[in-house]
Amino acid sequence: MDGVCVLWRGYIDVDSLNGIGKLEFDEETAQERERERERERKRERE
């Protein structure tokens, strides 16, 4: 899930691979990544 800002919440039994969980959008990391992209774009234009 490269490039996707999500958090895993749940559990998986490693023996049976059964479990339950969900992916939640990570707003804080997404904003951080967006700021990084903007800095890179700015450097490329210079």
Protein backbone atom coordinates (compact mmCIF):
# COMPACT_ATOMS: atom_id res chain seq x y z
CA MET A 1 0.00 0.00 0.00
CA ASP A 2 2.81 2.31 -0.90
CA GLY A 3 1.85 5.96 -0.98
CA VAL A 4 -1.43 5.46 0.86
CA CYS A 5 -1.90 7.11 4.24
CA VAL A 6 -3.85 4.55 6.24
CA LEU A 7 -3.70 2.93 9.66
CA TRP A 8 -4.57 -0.72 10.28
CA ARG A 9 -6.89 -1.34 13.23
CA GLY A 10 -7.65 -4.93 14.14
CA TYR A 11 -6.08 -8.32 14.64
CA ILE A 12 -5.09 -11.39 12.64
CA ASP A 13 -4.41 -14.84 14.06
CA VAL A 14 -1.06 -15.73 12.49
CA ASP A 15 -1.77 -19.47 12.66
CA SER A 16 -5.17 -19.51 10.97
CA LEU A 17 -4.95 -16.10 9.20
CA ASN A 18 -8.44 -15.35 10.49
CA GLY A 19 -9.20 -11.99 11.97
CA ILE A 20 -10.99 -8.74 11.69
CA GLY A 21 -9.83 -5.23 11.01
CA LYS A 22 -10.21 -2.08 9.04
CA LEU A 23 -8.09 0.57 7.36
CA GLU A 24 -8.56 4.16 8.50
CA PHE A 25 -7.41 7.23 6.59
CA ASP A 26 -4.46 8.89 8.39
CA GLU A 27 -5.15 12.60 7.96
CA GLU A 28 -2.00 13.74 9.78
CA THR A 29 0.36 11.67 7.61
CA ALA A 30 -1.52 12.68 4.47
CA GLN A 31 -1.04 16.36 5.27
CA GLU A 32 2.65 15.76 5.97
CA ARG A 33 3.11 13.97 2.65
CA GLU A 34 1.28 16.75 0.80
CA ARG A 35 3.62 19.36 2.31
CA GLU A 36 6.61 17.26 1.21
CA ARG A 37 5.26 17.02 -2.35
CA GLU A 38 4.70 20.76 -2.47
CA ARG A 39 8.30 21.43 -1.34
CA GLU A 40 9.59 19.08 -4.04
CA ARG A 41 7.50 20.77 -6.74
CA LYS A 42 8.77 24.16 -5.62
CA ARG A 43 12.42 22.98 -5.81
CA GLU A 44 11.83 21.56 -9.31
CA ARG A 45 10.50 24.92 -10.54
CA GLU A 46 13.55 26.79 -9.24
